[in-house]
């Protein structure tokens, strides 16, 4: 079976003011998107996505701790949960601040990521690679005419 690998070369992180509860500025009712950051290279895109997942996981852990704290009746366990919640909130705020400085990204906002370019690679045999290269040369020659 052939494997196909999609590599995202660059992406643009956009923010929608309408998603933040603000009214769109266009008269036709469409949202306006504002470019926040460009992330170049597949590794950088993967790193950004991983960092977002970490933030979202931290936020979910905070929500879970808060729910546990609200249900807990034992004062000792309540203090322990509160300490964990406070530490988690501090870490989440630090990481969110770092993401805002690095990418203009904050958990308080909604984003849309657009792919500017992508490279698609497929694992093939030497024979198949030669056929693909030949077809590309022929297509380029036709385009020049």
C-alpha atoms as a PDB file:
ATOM      1  CA  UNK A   1       0.000   0.000   0.000  1.00  0.00           C
ATOM      2  CA  UNK A   2       1.295   3.448  -0.859  1.00  0.00           C
ATOM      3  CA  UNK A   3       1.622   6.047   1.871  1.00  0.00           C
ATOM      4  CA  UNK A   4       0.719   9.655   1.316  1.00  0.00           C
ATOM      5  CA  UNK A   5       2.257  12.338   3.491  1.00  0.00           C
ATOM      6  CA  UNK A   6       0.835  15.839   3.574  1.00  0.00           C
ATOM      7  CA  UNK A   7       3.281  18.508   4.678  1.00  0.00           C
ATOM      8  CA  UNK A   8       1.927  21.917   5.556  1.00  0.00           C
ATOM      9  CA  UNK A   9       4.520  24.430   4.455  1.00  0.00           C
ATOM     10  CA  UNK A  10       2.956  27.588   5.810  1.00  0.00           C
ATOM     11  CA  UNK A  11      -0.253  28.712   7.391  1.00  0.00           C
ATOM     12  CA  UNK A  12      -1.880  31.925   8.444  1.00  0.00           C
ATOM     13  CA  UNK A  13      -3.619  32.340  11.767  1.00  0.00           C
ATOM     14  CA  UNK A  14      -6.657  34.569  11.514  1.00  0.00           C
ATOM     15  CA  UNK A  15      -8.993  35.928  14.143  1.00  0.00           C
ATOM     16  CA  UNK A  16     -12.623  36.744  13.636  1.00  0.00           C
ATOM     17  CA  UNK A  17     -13.809  39.775  15.645  1.00  0.00           C
ATOM     18  CA  UNK A  18     -17.392  38.583  15.234  1.00  0.00           C
ATOM     19  CA  UNK A  19     -16.528  35.397  17.084  1.00  0.00           C
ATOM     20  CA  UNK A  20     -15.477  37.555  20.019  1.00  0.00           C
ATOM     21  CA  UNK A  21     -18.950  38.995  20.355  1.00  0.00           C
ATOM     22  CA  UNK A  22     -18.140  42.134  18.395  1.00  0.00           C
ATOM     23  CA  UNK A  23     -20.351  43.220  15.544  1.00  0.00           C
ATOM     24  CA  UNK A  24     -18.874  42.698  12.081  1.00  0.00           C
ATOM     25  CA  UNK A  25     -17.877  45.941  10.378  1.00  0.00           C
ATOM     26  CA  UNK A  26     -19.056  44.951   6.933  1.00  0.00           C
ATOM     27  CA  UNK A  27     -22.535  45.974   5.880  1.00  0.00           C
ATOM     28  CA  UNK A  28     -23.359  42.658   4.212  1.00  0.00           C
ATOM     29  CA  UNK A  29     -23.341  40.779   7.542  1.00  0.00           C
ATOM     30  CA  UNK A  30     -20.130  38.876   6.812  1.00  0.00           C
ATOM     31  CA  UNK A  31     -17.435  38.467   9.432  1.00  0.00           C
ATOM     32  CA  UNK A  32     -14.096  40.151   8.932  1.00  0.00           C
ATOM     33  CA  UNK A  33     -10.959  38.186   9.573  1.00  0.00           C
ATOM     34  CA  UNK A  34      -7.756  39.854  10.726  1.00  0.00           C
ATOM     35  CA  UNK A  35      -4.368  38.206  10.189  1.00  0.00           C
ATOM     36  CA  UNK A  36      -2.676  37.572  13.522  1.00  0.00           C
ATOM     37  CA  UNK A  37       0.397  35.516  12.600  1.00  0.00           C
ATOM     38  CA  UNK A  38       2.124  33.566   9.872  1.00  0.00           C
ATOM     39  CA  UNK A  39       3.704  30.265  10.789  1.00  0.00           C
ATOM     40  CA  UNK A  40       6.244  29.083   8.243  1.00  0.00           C
ATOM     41  CA  UNK A  41       7.377  25.505   7.851  1.00  0.00           C
ATOM     42  CA  UNK A  42       5.793  22.194   8.661  1.00  0.00           C
ATOM     43  CA  UNK A  43       7.709  21.808  11.923  1.00  0.00           C
ATOM     44  CA  UNK A  44       6.592  25.244  13.137  1.00  0.00           C
ATOM     45  CA  UNK A  45       2.968  24.476  12.271  1.00  0.00           C
ATOM     46  CA  UNK A  46       3.153  21.164  14.147  1.00  0.00           C
ATOM     47  CA  UNK A  47       4.731  22.929  17.134  1.00  0.00           C
ATOM     48  CA  UNK A  48       1.969  25.553  17.132  1.00  0.00           C
ATOM     49  CA  UNK A  49      -0.744  22.896  16.951  1.00  0.00           C
ATOM     50  CA  UNK A  50       0.892  20.960  19.771  1.00  0.00           C
ATOM     51  CA  UNK A  51       1.095  24.109  21.904  1.00  0.00           C
ATOM     52  CA  UNK A  52      -2.586  24.836  21.300  1.00  0.00           C
ATOM     53  CA  UNK A  53      -3.473  21.276  22.322  1.00  0.00           C
ATOM     54  CA  UNK A  54      -1.440  21.675  25.505  1.00  0.00           C
ATOM     55  CA  UNK A  55      -3.283  24.893  26.364  1.00  0.00           C
ATOM     56  CA  UNK A  56      -6.642  23.300  25.692  1.00  0.00           C
ATOM     57  CA  UNK A  57      -5.723  20.301  27.849  1.00  0.00           C
ATOM     58  CA  UNK A  58      -4.611  22.585  30.662  1.00  0.00           C
ATOM     59  CA  UNK A  59      -7.865  24.518  30.412  1.00  0.00           C
ATOM     60  CA  UNK A  60      -9.908  21.295  30.530  1.00  0.00           C
ATOM     61  CA  UNK A  61      -7.933  20.127  33.584  1.00  0.00           C
ATOM     62  CA  UNK A  62      -8.807  23.441  35.291  1.00  0.00           C
ATOM     63  CA  UNK A  63     -12.497  22.957  34.500  1.00  0.00           C
ATOM     64  CA  UNK A  64     -12.367  19.407  35.874  1.00  0.00           C
ATOM     65  CA  UNK A  65     -10.594  20.534  39.047  1.00  0.00           C
ATOM     66  CA  UNK A  66     -13.122  23.323  39.544  1.00  0.00           C
ATOM     67  CA  UNK A  67     -15.981  20.827  39.226  1.00  0.00           C
ATOM     68  CA  UNK A  68     -14.312  18.501  41.737  1.00  0.00           C
ATOM     69  CA  UNK A  69     -13.755  21.402  44.108  1.00  0.00           C
ATOM     70  CA  UNK A  70     -17.394  22.472  43.892  1.00  0.00           C
ATOM     71  CA  UNK A  71     -18.571  18.942  44.753  1.00  0.00           C
ATOM     72  CA  UNK A  72     -16.041  18.235  47.510  1.00  0.00           C
ATOM     73  CA  UNK A  73     -17.255  18.453  51.126  1.00  0.00           C
ATOM     74  CA  UNK A  74     -14.115  17.338  52.965  1.00  0.00           C
ATOM     75  CA  UNK A  75     -12.246  20.537  54.010  1.00  0.00           C
ATOM     76  CA  UNK A  76      -8.790  18.918  53.749  1.00  0.00           C
ATOM     77  CA  UNK A  77      -9.446  17.587  50.224  1.00  0.00           C
ATOM     78  CA  UNK A  78     -10.997  20.934  49.319  1.00  0.00           C
ATOM     79  CA  UNK A  79      -7.783  22.749  50.299  1.00  0.00           C
ATOM     80  CA  UNK A  80      -5.717  20.264  48.280  1.00  0.00           C
ATOM     81  CA  UNK A  81      -7.942  20.722  45.231  1.00  0.00           C
ATOM     82  CA  UNK A  82      -7.816  24.508  45.638  1.00  0.00           C
ATOM     83  CA  UNK A  83      -4.006  24.411  45.743  1.00  0.00           C
ATOM     84  CA  UNK A  84      -3.912  22.271  42.589  1.00  0.00           C
ATOM     85  CA  UNK A  85      -6.420  24.597  40.929  1.00  0.00           C
ATOM     86  CA  UNK A  86      -4.379  27.689  41.833  1.00  0.00           C
ATOM     87  CA  UNK A  87      -1.156  26.108  40.519  1.00  0.00           C
ATOM     88  CA  UNK A  88      -2.901  24.988  37.321  1.00  0.00           C
ATOM     89  CA  UNK A  89      -4.397  28.443  36.767  1.00  0.00           C
ATOM     90  CA  UNK A  90      -0.987  30.073  37.208  1.00  0.00           C
ATOM     91  CA  UNK A  91       0.607  27.680  34.705  1.00  0.00           C
ATOM     92  CA  UNK A  92      -2.253  28.145  32.229  1.00  0.00           C
ATOM     93  CA  UNK A  93      -2.021  31.941  32.460  1.00  0.00           C
ATOM     94  CA  UNK A  94       1.763  31.820  31.899  1.00  0.00           C
ATOM     95  CA  UNK A  95       1.420  29.540  28.883  1.00  0.00           C
ATOM     96  CA  UNK A  96      -1.443  31.590  27.458  1.00  0.00           C
ATOM     97  CA  UNK A  97       0.651  34.767  27.821  1.00  0.00           C
ATOM     98  CA  UNK A  98       3.562  33.068  26.047  1.00  0.00           C
ATOM     99  CA  UNK A  99       1.281  31.963  23.195  1.00  0.00           C
ATOM    100  CA  UNK A 100      -0.073  35.514  22.899  1.00  0.00           C
ATOM    101  CA  UNK A 101       3.457  36.923  22.652  1.00  0.00           C
ATOM    102  CA  UNK A 102       4.648  34.237  20.256  1.00  0.00           C
ATOM    103  CA  UNK A 103       1.650  33.827  17.932  1.00  0.00           C
ATOM    104  CA  UNK A 104      -0.955  36.409  18.919  1.00  0.00           C
ATOM    105  CA  UNK A 105      -3.027  33.441  20.143  1.00  0.00           C
ATOM    106  CA  UNK A 106      -5.137  33.450  23.291  1.00  0.00           C
ATOM    107  CA  UNK A 107      -7.641  30.976  24.680  1.00  0.00           C
ATOM    108  CA  UNK A 108     -10.030  33.909  25.070  1.00  0.00           C
ATOM    109  CA  UNK A 109     -10.470  34.213  21.297  1.00  0.00           C
ATOM    110  CA  UNK A 110     -11.718  32.098  18.395  1.00  0.00           C
ATOM    111  CA  UNK A 111      -9.422  31.513  15.422  1.00  0.00           C
ATOM    112  CA  UNK A 112      -9.465  30.185  11.897  1.00  0.00           C
ATOM    113  CA  UNK A 113      -6.311  28.700  10.416  1.00  0.00           C
ATOM    114  CA  UNK A 114      -5.857  28.952   6.664  1.00  0.00           C
ATOM    115  CA  UNK A 115      -3.297  26.890   4.809  1.00  0.00           C
ATOM    116  CA  UNK A 116      -1.275  29.120   2.457  1.00  0.00           C
ATOM    117  CA  UNK A 117       0.596  26.282   0.823  1.00  0.00           C
ATOM    118  CA  UNK A 118       1.072  22.577   1.226  1.00  0.00           C
ATOM    119  CA  UNK A 119       3.317  19.921  -0.261  1.00  0.00           C
ATOM    120  CA  UNK A 120       1.964  16.417  -0.756  1.00  0.00           C
ATOM    121  CA  UNK A 121       4.413  13.514  -0.855  1.00  0.00           C
ATOM    122  CA  UNK A 122       3.672   9.921  -1.757  1.00  0.00           C
ATOM    123  CA  UNK A 123       5.981   6.961  -1.141  1.00  0.00           C
ATOM    124  CA  UNK A 124       6.585   5.271  -4.521  1.00  0.00           C
ATOM    125  CA  UNK A 125       9.033   2.902  -6.175  1.00  0.00           C
ATOM    126  CA  UNK A 126      11.944   4.205  -8.286  1.00  0.00           C
ATOM    127  CA  UNK A 127      10.011   3.276 -11.429  1.00  0.00           C
ATOM    128  CA  UNK A 128       6.912   5.192 -10.327  1.00  0.00           C
ATOM    129  CA  UNK A 129       9.065   8.185  -9.355  1.00  0.00           C
ATOM    130  CA  UNK A 130      10.626   8.236 -12.822  1.00  0.00           C
ATOM    131  CA  UNK A 131       7.152   8.218 -14.433  1.00  0.00           C
ATOM    132  CA  UNK A 132       5.982  11.094 -12.211  1.00  0.00           C
ATOM    133  CA  UNK A 133       9.112  13.134 -12.995  1.00  0.00           C
ATOM    134  CA  UNK A 134       8.696  12.509 -16.731  1.00  0.00           C
ATOM    135  CA  UNK A 135       5.044  13.547 -16.638  1.00  0.00           C
ATOM    136  CA  UNK A 136       6.001  16.738 -14.779  1.00  0.00           C
ATOM    137  CA  UNK A 137       8.654  17.561 -17.422  1.00  0.00           C
ATOM    138  CA  UNK A 138       6.140  17.007 -20.220  1.00  0.00           C
ATOM    139  CA  UNK A 139       3.578  19.203 -18.488  1.00  0.00           C
ATOM    140  CA  UNK A 140       6.150  21.961 -17.998  1.00  0.00           C
ATOM    141  CA  UNK A 141       7.126  21.766 -21.664  1.00  0.00           C
ATOM    142  CA  UNK A 142       3.487  22.113 -22.718  1.00  0.00           C
ATOM    143  CA  UNK A 143       3.024  25.093 -20.412  1.00  0.00           C
ATOM    144  CA  UNK A 144       5.969  26.912 -22.074  1.00  0.00           C
ATOM    145  CA  UNK A 145       4.425  26.591 -25.548  1.00  0.00           C
END
